[in-house]
Amino acid sequence: MGMLQPILVYITLAIAVGFIVRKFFLPKSLFVSKGAHKRKEKGCGQDDCGCH
């Protein structure tokens, strides 16, 4: 039981650092899916209101 807490702390720290690196330091083009490009080109309806 004494070793469980440090392991959980390191796992939590690794997840937090990974999130910060992904959010602020890596380019967003790495995480855009192919479906997002199709939705962006198509718009949100017939008149493309620009609400998204």
Protein backbone atom coordinates (compact mmCIF):
# COMPACT_ATOMS: atom_id res chain seq x y z
CA MET A 1 0.00 0.00 0.00
CA GLY A 2 2.95 2.31 0.64
CA MET A 3 4.11 2.12 -2.98
CA LEU A 4 0.67 2.72 -4.49
CA GLN A 5 0.46 6.44 -3.69
CA PRO A 6 3.74 7.49 -5.41
CA ILE A 7 2.81 5.43 -8.47
CA LEU A 8 -0.57 7.17 -8.72
CA VAL A 9 1.08 10.56 -8.26
CA TYR A 10 3.51 9.89 -11.11
CA ILE A 11 0.72 8.64 -13.38
CA THR A 12 -1.34 11.76 -12.64
CA LEU A 13 1.68 13.99 -13.26
CA ALA A 14 2.40 12.28 -16.58
CA ILE A 15 -1.21 12.73 -17.71
CA ALA A 16 -1.18 16.42 -16.71
CA VAL A 17 2.12 17.14 -18.47
CA GLY A 18 0.94 15.27 -21.56
CA PHE A 19 -2.26 17.33 -21.66
CA ILE A 20 -0.36 20.63 -21.32
CA VAL A 21 2.12 19.67 -24.04
CA ARG A 22 -0.68 18.59 -26.37
CA LYS A 23 -2.80 21.66 -25.67
CA PHE A 24 -0.15 24.39 -25.89
CA PHE A 25 3.00 23.14 -27.62
CA LEU A 26 2.01 20.71 -30.38
CA PRO A 27 0.44 22.00 -33.61
CA LYS A 28 -3.29 21.40 -33.93
CA SER A 29 -2.85 19.93 -37.40
CA LEU A 30 -1.56 16.72 -35.81
CA PHE A 31 -4.91 16.09 -34.10
CA VAL A 32 -7.43 17.05 -36.80
CA SER A 33 -9.38 14.09 -38.11
CA LYS A 34 -10.38 13.64 -41.73
CA GLY A 35 -14.05 14.04 -40.84
CA ALA A 36 -13.44 17.53 -39.46
CA HIS A 37 -12.17 18.73 -42.84
CA LYS A 38 -15.32 17.54 -44.55
CA ARG A 39 -17.53 19.28 -42.00
CA LYS A 40 -15.54 22.51 -42.29
CA GLU A 41 -15.84 22.59 -46.07
CA LYS A 42 -19.53 21.75 -46.05
CA GLY A 43 -20.66 24.43 -43.57
CA CYS A 44 -23.60 24.10 -41.23
CA GLY A 45 -26.49 24.23 -43.65
CA GLN A 46 -27.68 25.66 -46.91
CA ASP A 47 -26.96 29.30 -46.05
CA ASP A 48 -23.72 28.67 -44.08
CA CYS A 49 -24.60 30.98 -41.20
CA GLY A 50 -21.06 30.92 -39.78
CA CYS A 51 -22.23 29.92 -36.31
CA HIS A 52 -19.56 27.24 -35.87
